[in-house]
PDB file of all heavy atoms in Angstrom:
ATOM      1  N   PRO A   1      -7.804  -5.595  10.645  1.00  0.00           N
ATOM      2  CA  PRO A   1      -7.655  -5.359   9.281  1.00  0.00           C
ATOM      3  C   PRO A   1      -6.607  -4.234   9.009  1.00  0.00           C
ATOM      4  O   PRO A   1      -6.192  -3.586   9.971  1.00  0.00           O
ATOM      5  CB  PRO A   1      -9.050  -4.802   8.790  1.00  0.00           C
ATOM      6  CG  PRO A   1      -9.578  -4.176  10.041  1.00  0.00           C
ATOM      7  CD  PRO A   1      -9.055  -4.939  11.225  1.00  0.00           C
ATOM      8  N   GLY A   2      -6.211  -4.061   7.759  1.00  0.00           N
ATOM      9  CA  GLY A   2      -5.331  -2.909   7.439  1.00  0.00           C
ATOM     10  C   GLY A   2      -3.872  -3.116   7.661  1.00  0.00           C
ATOM     11  O   GLY A   2      -3.112  -2.113   7.672  1.00  0.00           O
ATOM     12  N   LEU A   3      -3.403  -4.339   7.893  1.00  0.00           N
ATOM     13  CA  LEU A   3      -1.959  -4.539   8.030  1.00  0.00           C
ATOM     14  C   LEU A   3      -1.353  -4.511   6.620  1.00  0.00           C
ATOM     15  O   LEU A   3      -2.068  -4.301   5.655  1.00  0.00           O
ATOM     16  CB  LEU A   3      -1.719  -5.919   8.675  1.00  0.00           C
ATOM     17  CG  LEU A   3      -2.185  -6.034  10.189  1.00  0.00           C
ATOM     18  CD1 LEU A   3      -1.915  -7.401  10.648  1.00  0.00           C
ATOM     19  CD2 LEU A   3      -1.434  -4.984  11.067  1.00  0.00           C
ATOM     20  N   LEU A   4      -0.023  -4.691   6.580  1.00  0.00           N
ATOM     21  CA  LEU A   4       0.622  -4.509   5.266  1.00  0.00           C
ATOM     22  C   LEU A   4       0.071  -5.518   4.239  1.00  0.00           C
ATOM     23  O   LEU A   4      -0.161  -6.673   4.552  1.00  0.00           O
ATOM     24  CB  LEU A   4       2.086  -4.860   5.420  1.00  0.00           C
ATOM     25  CG  LEU A   4       2.960  -3.737   6.094  1.00  0.00           C
ATOM     26  CD1 LEU A   4       4.379  -4.251   6.213  1.00  0.00           C
ATOM     27  CD2 LEU A   4       2.870  -2.427   5.356  1.00  0.00           C
ATOM     28  N   PRO A   5      -0.270  -5.030   3.067  1.00  0.00           N
ATOM     29  CA  PRO A   5      -0.882  -5.878   2.017  1.00  0.00           C
ATOM     30  C   PRO A   5       0.221  -6.826   1.441  1.00  0.00           C
ATOM     31  O   PRO A   5       1.421  -6.657   1.658  1.00  0.00           O
ATOM     32  CB  PRO A   5      -1.335  -4.927   0.905  1.00  0.00           C
ATOM     33  CG  PRO A   5      -0.390  -3.742   1.080  1.00  0.00           C
ATOM     34  CD  PRO A   5      -0.154  -3.666   2.600  1.00  0.00           C
ATOM     35  N   GLU A   6      -0.290  -7.918   0.759  1.00  0.00           N
ATOM     36  CA  GLU A   6       0.683  -8.872   0.178  1.00  0.00           C
ATOM     37  C   GLU A   6       1.729  -8.216  -0.700  1.00  0.00           C
ATOM     38  O   GLU A   6       2.863  -8.682  -0.811  1.00  0.00           O
ATOM     39  CB  GLU A   6      -0.147  -9.911  -0.594  1.00  0.00           C
ATOM     40  CG  GLU A   6      -0.737 -11.005   0.262  1.00  0.00           C
ATOM     41  CD  GLU A   6       0.297 -11.878   0.887  1.00  0.00           C
ATOM     42  OE1 GLU A   6       1.228 -12.282   0.200  1.00  0.00           O
ATOM     43  OE2 GLU A   6       0.180 -12.216   2.060  1.00  0.00           O
ATOM     44  N   GLY A   7       1.319  -7.164  -1.460  1.00  0.00           N
ATOM     45  CA  GLY A   7       2.281  -6.582  -2.372  1.00  0.00           C
ATOM     46  C   GLY A   7       3.223  -5.543  -1.799  1.00  0.00           C
ATOM     47  O   GLY A   7       3.931  -4.889  -2.532  1.00  0.00           O
ATOM     48  N   ALA A   8       3.290  -5.389  -0.488  1.00  0.00           N
ATOM     49  CA  ALA A   8       4.074  -4.365   0.141  1.00  0.00           C
ATOM     50  C   ALA A   8       5.528  -4.731  -0.177  1.00  0.00           C
ATOM     51  O   ALA A   8       5.958  -5.872  -0.262  1.00  0.00           O
ATOM     52  CB  ALA A   8       3.915  -4.373   1.636  1.00  0.00           C
ATOM     53  N   PRO A   9       6.363  -3.715  -0.396  1.00  0.00           N
ATOM     54  CA  PRO A   9       7.757  -3.956  -0.748  1.00  0.00           C
ATOM     55  C   PRO A   9       8.571  -4.616   0.374  1.00  0.00           C
ATOM     56  O   PRO A   9       8.191  -4.504   1.544  1.00  0.00           O
ATOM     57  CB  PRO A   9       8.306  -2.575  -1.084  1.00  0.00           C
ATOM     58  CG  PRO A   9       7.395  -1.623  -0.286  1.00  0.00           C
ATOM     59  CD  PRO A   9       6.058  -2.253  -0.327  1.00  0.00           C
ATOM     60  N   LEU A  10       9.639  -5.312  -0.029  1.00  0.00           N
ATOM     61  CA  LEU A  10      10.487  -5.995   0.942  1.00  0.00           C
ATOM     62  C   LEU A  10      10.986  -4.949   1.910  1.00  0.00           C
ATOM     63  O   LEU A  10      11.488  -3.946   1.600  1.00  0.00           O
ATOM     64  CB  LEU A  10      11.709  -6.622   0.202  1.00  0.00           C
ATOM     65  CG  LEU A  10      12.511  -7.551   1.043  1.00  0.00           C
ATOM     66  CD1 LEU A  10      11.806  -8.848   1.359  1.00  0.00           C
ATOM     67  CD2 LEU A  10      13.792  -7.922   0.279  1.00  0.00           C
ATOM     68  N   GLY A  11      10.839  -5.316   3.258  1.00  0.00           N
ATOM     69  CA  GLY A  11      11.327  -4.412   4.293  1.00  0.00           C
ATOM     70  C   GLY A  11      10.442  -3.239   4.504  1.00  0.00           C
ATOM     71  O   GLY A  11      10.854  -2.186   4.984  1.00  0.00           O
ATOM     72  N   ALA A  12       9.143  -3.332   4.128  1.00  0.00           N
ATOM     73  CA  ALA A  12       8.230  -2.210   4.203  1.00  0.00           C
ATOM     74  C   ALA A  12       8.096  -1.704   5.668  1.00  0.00           C
ATOM     75  O   ALA A  12       8.346  -2.473   6.610  1.00  0.00           O
ATOM     76  CB  ALA A  12       6.888  -2.567   3.723  1.00  0.00           C
ATOM     77  N   ASP A  13       7.752  -0.451   5.826  1.00  0.00           N
ATOM     78  CA  ASP A  13       7.664   0.123   7.123  1.00  0.00           C
ATOM     79  C   ASP A  13       6.396  -0.374   7.888  1.00  0.00           C
ATOM     80  O   ASP A  13       5.612  -1.105   7.375  1.00  0.00           O
ATOM     81  CB  ASP A  13       7.627   1.669   6.966  1.00  0.00           C
ATOM     82  CG  ASP A  13       8.039   2.431   8.283  1.00  0.00           C
ATOM     83  OD1 ASP A  13       8.345   1.681   9.263  1.00  0.00           O
ATOM     84  OD2 ASP A  13       8.128   3.603   8.247  1.00  0.00           O
ATOM     85  N   ARG A  14       6.222   0.182   9.092  1.00  0.00           N
ATOM     86  CA  ARG A  14       5.142  -0.303   9.959  1.00  0.00           C
ATOM     87  C   ARG A  14       3.786  -0.171   9.290  1.00  0.00           C
ATOM     88  O   ARG A  14       3.483   0.713   8.557  1.00  0.00           O
ATOM     89  CB  ARG A  14       5.163   0.501  11.241  1.00  0.00           C
ATOM     90  CG  ARG A  14       4.941   2.010  11.006  1.00  0.00           C
ATOM     91  CD  ARG A  14       4.905   2.722  12.347  1.00  0.00           C
ATOM     92  NE  ARG A  14       3.794   2.282  13.143  1.00  0.00           N
ATOM     93  CZ  ARG A  14       3.614   2.608  14.446  1.00  0.00           C
ATOM     94  NH1 ARG A  14       4.505   3.368  15.051  1.00  0.00           N
ATOM     95  NH2 ARG A  14       2.585   2.213  15.085  1.00  0.00           N
ATOM     96  N   PRO A  15       2.931  -1.198   9.625  1.00  0.00           N
ATOM     97  CA  PRO A  15       1.562  -1.151   9.074  1.00  0.00           C
ATOM     98  C   PRO A  15       0.821   0.034   9.681  1.00  0.00           C
ATOM     99  O   PRO A  15       1.033   0.443  10.869  1.00  0.00           O
ATOM    100  CB  PRO A  15       0.935  -2.477   9.463  1.00  0.00           C
ATOM    101  CG  PRO A  15       1.785  -2.947  10.584  1.00  0.00           C
ATOM    102  CD  PRO A  15       3.118  -2.390  10.371  1.00  0.00           C
ATOM    103  N   PRO A  16      -0.211   0.553   8.974  1.00  0.00           N
ATOM    104  CA  PRO A  16      -0.955   1.687   9.542  1.00  0.00           C
ATOM    105  C   PRO A  16      -1.836   1.446  10.628  1.00  0.00           C
ATOM    106  O   PRO A  16      -2.221   2.341  11.353  1.00  0.00           O
ATOM    107  CB  PRO A  16      -1.694   2.200   8.232  1.00  0.00           C
ATOM    108  CG  PRO A  16      -1.876   0.957   7.438  1.00  0.00           C
ATOM    109  CD  PRO A  16      -0.654   0.152   7.660  1.00  0.00           C
ATOM    110  N   LEU A  17      -2.310   0.172  10.816  1.00  0.00           N
ATOM    111  CA  LEU A  17      -3.279  -0.122  11.845  1.00  0.00           C
ATOM    112  C   LEU A  17      -2.926  -1.446  12.476  1.00  0.00           C
ATOM    113  O   LEU A  17      -2.530  -2.398  11.816  1.00  0.00           O
ATOM    114  CB  LEU A  17      -4.662  -0.248  11.208  1.00  0.00           C
ATOM    115  CG  LEU A  17      -5.836  -0.625  12.144  1.00  0.00           C
ATOM    116  CD1 LEU A  17      -6.035   0.501  13.122  1.00  0.00           C
ATOM    117  CD2 LEU A  17      -7.114  -0.825  11.314  1.00  0.00           C
ATOM    118  N   ILE A  18      -3.034  -1.473  13.808  1.00  0.00           N
ATOM    119  CA  ILE A  18      -2.547  -2.674  14.509  1.00  0.00           C
ATOM    120  C   ILE A  18      -3.799  -3.408  15.059  1.00  0.00           C
ATOM    121  O   ILE A  18      -3.887  -4.613  14.834  1.00  0.00           O
ATOM    122  CB  ILE A  18      -1.630  -2.348  15.658  1.00  0.00           C
ATOM    123  CG1 ILE A  18      -0.445  -1.556  15.109  1.00  0.00           C
ATOM    124  CG2 ILE A  18      -1.171  -3.571  16.378  1.00  0.00           C
ATOM    125  CD1 ILE A  18       0.228  -2.219  13.917  1.00  0.00           C
ATOM    126  N   SER A  19      -4.671  -2.827  15.762  1.00  0.00           N
ATOM    127  CA  SER A  19      -5.897  -3.560  16.152  1.00  0.00           C
ATOM    128  C   SER A  19      -7.040  -2.528  16.297  1.00  0.00           C
ATOM    129  O   SER A  19      -6.805  -1.347  16.247  1.00  0.00           O
ATOM    130  CB  SER A  19      -5.636  -4.240  17.501  1.00  0.00           C
ATOM    131  OG  SER A  19      -5.619  -3.321  18.591  1.00  0.00           O
ATOM    132  N   ASP A  20      -8.216  -3.066  16.433  1.00  0.00           N
ATOM    133  CA  ASP A  20      -9.361  -2.193  16.587  1.00  0.00           C
ATOM    134  C   ASP A  20      -9.490  -1.486  17.909  1.00  0.00           C
ATOM    135  O   ASP A  20     -10.255  -0.517  18.047  1.00  0.00           O
ATOM    136  CB  ASP A  20     -10.669  -2.970  16.281  1.00  0.00           C
ATOM    137  CG  ASP A  20     -10.874  -3.144  14.816  1.00  0.00           C
ATOM    138  OD1 ASP A  20     -10.245  -2.439  14.038  1.00  0.00           O
ATOM    139  OD2 ASP A  20     -11.550  -4.138  14.458  1.00  0.00           O
ATOM    140  N   ASP A  21      -8.754  -1.981  18.905  1.00  0.00           N
ATOM    141  CA  ASP A  21      -8.960  -1.382  20.264  1.00  0.00           C
ATOM    142  C   ASP A  21      -7.649  -1.115  20.984  1.00  0.00           C
ATOM    143  O   ASP A  21      -7.656  -0.604  22.109  1.00  0.00           O
ATOM    144  CB  ASP A  21      -9.827  -2.254  21.144  1.00  0.00           C
ATOM    145  CG  ASP A  21      -9.155  -3.595  21.397  1.00  0.00           C
ATOM    146  OD1 ASP A  21      -8.161  -3.905  20.793  1.00  0.00           O
ATOM    147  OD2 ASP A  21      -9.646  -4.273  22.315  1.00  0.00           O
ATOM    148  N   LEU A  22      -6.486  -1.406  20.365  1.00  0.00           N
ATOM    149  CA  LEU A  22      -5.238  -1.201  21.086  1.00  0.00           C
ATOM    150  C   LEU A  22      -4.157  -0.859  20.006  1.00  0.00           C
ATOM    151  O   LEU A  22      -3.974  -1.662  19.133  1.00  0.00           O
ATOM    152  CB  LEU A  22      -4.851  -2.482  21.849  1.00  0.00           C
ATOM    153  CG  LEU A  22      -3.460  -2.425  22.536  1.00  0.00           C
ATOM    154  CD1 LEU A  22      -3.360  -1.253  23.560  1.00  0.00           C
ATOM    155  CD2 LEU A  22      -3.173  -3.727  23.192  1.00  0.00           C
ATOM    156  N   LEU A  23      -3.535   0.214  20.173  1.00  0.00           N
ATOM    157  CA  LEU A  23      -2.434   0.606  19.312  1.00  0.00           C
ATOM    158  C   LEU A  23      -1.228   1.019  20.260  1.00  0.00           C
ATOM    159  O   LEU A  23      -1.417   1.973  21.025  1.00  0.00           O
ATOM    160  CB  LEU A  23      -2.818   1.756  18.399  1.00  0.00           C
ATOM    161  CG  LEU A  23      -1.662   2.203  17.422  1.00  0.00           C
ATOM    162  CD1 LEU A  23      -1.366   1.141  16.390  1.00  0.00           C
ATOM    163  CD2 LEU A  23      -2.089   3.481  16.708  1.00  0.00           C
ATOM    164  N   LEU A  24      -0.127   0.343  20.099  1.00  0.00           N
ATOM    165  CA  LEU A  24       1.088   0.697  20.884  1.00  0.00           C
ATOM    166  C   LEU A  24       1.916   1.590  20.010  1.00  0.00           C
ATOM    167  O   LEU A  24       2.467   1.155  19.042  1.00  0.00           O
ATOM    168  CB  LEU A  24       1.765  -0.583  21.254  1.00  0.00           C
ATOM    169  CG  LEU A  24       0.902  -1.565  22.003  1.00  0.00           C
ATOM    170  CD1 LEU A  24       1.711  -2.843  22.320  1.00  0.00           C
ATOM    171  CD2 LEU A  24       0.314  -1.030  23.266  1.00  0.00           C
ATOM    172  N   THR A  25       2.060   2.838  20.392  1.00  0.00           N
ATOM    173  CA  THR A  25       2.528   3.888  19.477  1.00  0.00           C
ATOM    174  C   THR A  25       4.032   4.194  19.705  1.00  0.00           C
ATOM    175  O   THR A  25       4.632   4.702  18.780  1.00  0.00           O
ATOM    176  CB  THR A  25       1.703   5.156  19.590  1.00  0.00           C
ATOM    177  OG1 THR A  25       1.740   5.584  20.970  1.00  0.00           O
ATOM    178  CG2 THR A  25       0.264   4.890  19.137  1.00  0.00           C
ATOM    179  N   ASP A  26       4.528   4.049  20.838  1.00  0.00           N
ATOM    180  CA  ASP A  26       5.965   4.377  21.063  1.00  0.00           C
ATOM    181  C   ASP A  26       6.485   3.527  22.247  1.00  0.00           C
ATOM    182  O   ASP A  26       5.800   2.861  22.881  1.00  0.00           O
ATOM    183  CB  ASP A  26       6.231   5.863  21.260  1.00  0.00           C
ATOM    184  CG  ASP A  26       5.409   6.394  22.473  1.00  0.00           C
ATOM    185  OD1 ASP A  26       5.475   5.747  23.532  1.00  0.00           O
ATOM    186  OD2 ASP A  26       4.799   7.470  22.372  1.00  0.00           O
ATOM    187  N   GLU A  27       7.796   3.645  22.448  1.00  0.00           N
ATOM    188  CA  GLU A  27       8.446   2.775  23.419  1.00  0.00           C
ATOM    189  C   GLU A  27       7.982   3.099  24.860  1.00  0.00           C
ATOM    190  O   GLU A  27       8.190   2.309  25.724  1.00  0.00           O
ATOM    191  CB  GLU A  27       9.959   2.857  23.296  1.00  0.00           C
ATOM    192  CG  GLU A  27      10.490   4.298  23.583  1.00  0.00           C
ATOM    193  CD  GLU A  27      12.028   4.287  23.296  1.00  0.00           C
ATOM    194  OE1 GLU A  27      12.515   3.372  22.640  1.00  0.00           O
ATOM    195  OE2 GLU A  27      12.588   5.296  23.721  1.00  0.00           O
ATOM    196  N   ARG A  28       7.366   4.236  25.065  1.00  0.00           N
ATOM    197  CA  ARG A  28       6.838   4.529  26.425  1.00  0.00           C
ATOM    198  C   ARG A  28       5.694   3.609  26.798  1.00  0.00           C
ATOM    199  O   ARG A  28       5.340   3.496  27.976  1.00  0.00           O
ATOM    200  CB  ARG A  28       6.415   5.994  26.471  1.00  0.00           C
ATOM    201  CG  ARG A  28       7.520   6.959  26.348  1.00  0.00           C
ATOM    202  CD  ARG A  28       6.962   8.441  26.386  1.00  0.00           C
ATOM    203  NE  ARG A  28       6.024   8.588  25.309  1.00  0.00           N
ATOM    204  CZ  ARG A  28       5.182   9.615  25.227  1.00  0.00           C
ATOM    205  NH1 ARG A  28       5.083  10.492  26.145  1.00  0.00           N
ATOM    206  NH2 ARG A  28       4.421   9.748  24.145  1.00  0.00           N
ATOM    207  N   VAL A  29       5.000   3.025  25.815  1.00  0.00           N
ATOM    208  CA  VAL A  29       3.885   2.158  26.087  1.00  0.00           C
ATOM    209  C   VAL A  29       4.280   1.012  27.085  1.00  0.00           C
ATOM    210  O   VAL A  29       3.487   0.697  27.931  1.00  0.00           O
ATOM    211  CB  VAL A  29       3.314   1.500  24.807  1.00  0.00           C
ATOM    212  CG1 VAL A  29       2.198   0.605  25.088  1.00  0.00           C
ATOM    213  CG2 VAL A  29       2.785   2.665  23.933  1.00  0.00           C
ATOM    214  N   GLY A  30       5.468   0.510  26.894  1.00  0.00           N
ATOM    215  CA  GLY A  30       5.904  -0.573  27.738  1.00  0.00           C
ATOM    216  C   GLY A  30       5.976  -0.191  29.217  1.00  0.00           C
ATOM    217  O   GLY A  30       5.804  -1.006  30.085  1.00  0.00           O
ATOM    218  N   ARG A  31       6.232   1.072  29.482  1.00  0.00           N
ATOM    219  CA  ARG A  31       6.382   1.546  30.832  1.00  0.00           C
ATOM    220  C   ARG A  31       5.060   2.120  31.422  1.00  0.00           C
ATOM    221  O   ARG A  31       4.814   2.002  32.541  1.00  0.00           O
ATOM    222  CB  ARG A  31       7.501   2.597  30.948  1.00  0.00           C
ATOM    223  CG  ARG A  31       8.860   2.071  30.550  1.00  0.00           C
ATOM    224  CD  ARG A  31       9.930   3.104  30.807  1.00  0.00           C
ATOM    225  NE  ARG A  31       9.759   4.309  30.041  1.00  0.00           N
ATOM    226  CZ  ARG A  31      10.237   4.447  28.866  1.00  0.00           C
ATOM    227  NH1 ARG A  31      10.916   3.466  28.247  1.00  0.00           N
ATOM    228  NH2 ARG A  31      10.047   5.605  28.162  1.00  0.00           N
ATOM    229  N   GLU A  32       4.274   2.743  30.512  1.00  0.00           N
ATOM    230  CA  GLU A  32       3.102   3.496  30.968  1.00  0.00           C
ATOM    231  C   GLU A  32       1.761   2.926  30.544  1.00  0.00           C
ATOM    232  O   GLU A  32       0.740   3.326  30.966  1.00  0.00           O
ATOM    233  CB  GLU A  32       3.226   4.972  30.460  1.00  0.00           C
ATOM    234  CG  GLU A  32       4.503   5.678  30.902  1.00  0.00           C
ATOM    235  CD  GLU A  32       4.698   7.011  30.200  1.00  0.00           C
ATOM    236  OE1 GLU A  32       3.676   7.483  29.546  1.00  0.00           O
ATOM    237  OE2 GLU A  32       5.731   7.610  30.326  1.00  0.00           O
ATOM    238  N   GLY A  33       1.852   1.913  29.641  1.00  0.00           N
ATOM    239  CA  GLY A  33       0.605   1.308  29.263  1.00  0.00           C
ATOM    240  C   GLY A  33      -0.259   2.194  28.444  1.00  0.00           C
ATOM    241  O   GLY A  33      -1.500   2.091  28.567  1.00  0.00           O
ATOM    242  N   LEU A  34       0.221   3.136  27.636  1.00  0.00           N
ATOM    243  CA  LEU A  34      -0.569   4.076  26.908  1.00  0.00           C
ATOM    244  C   LEU A  34      -1.387   3.378  25.809  1.00  0.00           C
ATOM    245  O   LEU A  34      -0.894   2.434  25.152  1.00  0.00           O
ATOM    246  CB  LEU A  34       0.328   5.193  26.279  1.00  0.00           C
ATOM    247  CG  LEU A  34       1.173   5.978  27.225  1.00  0.00           C
ATOM    248  CD1 LEU A  34       1.989   6.947  26.480  1.00  0.00           C
ATOM    249  CD2 LEU A  34       0.253   6.713  28.179  1.00  0.00           C
ATOM    250  N   LYS A  35      -2.558   3.815  25.591  1.00  0.00           N
ATOM    251  CA  LYS A  35      -3.410   3.313  24.539  1.00  0.00           C
ATOM    252  C   LYS A  35      -3.854   4.461  23.673  1.00  0.00           C
ATOM    253  O   LYS A  35      -4.117   5.530  24.161  1.00  0.00           O
ATOM    254  CB  LYS A  35      -4.621   2.532  25.103  1.00  0.00           C
ATOM    255  CG  LYS A  35      -4.255   1.311  25.863  1.00  0.00           C
ATOM    256  CD  LYS A  35      -5.459   0.574  26.304  1.00  0.00           C
ATOM    257  CE  LYS A  35      -5.131  -0.726  27.160  1.00  0.00           C
ATOM    258  NZ  LYS A  35      -6.348  -1.425  27.530  1.00  0.00           N
TER     259      LYS A  35
END
């Protein structure tokens, strides 16, 4: 839940929540698997 709502403006920024158990927060995640 909590992704961008239908009324979000065109080109809106990142949604506040990605999943209930995994959030990839920066580009280091791809190398270090940070959660």
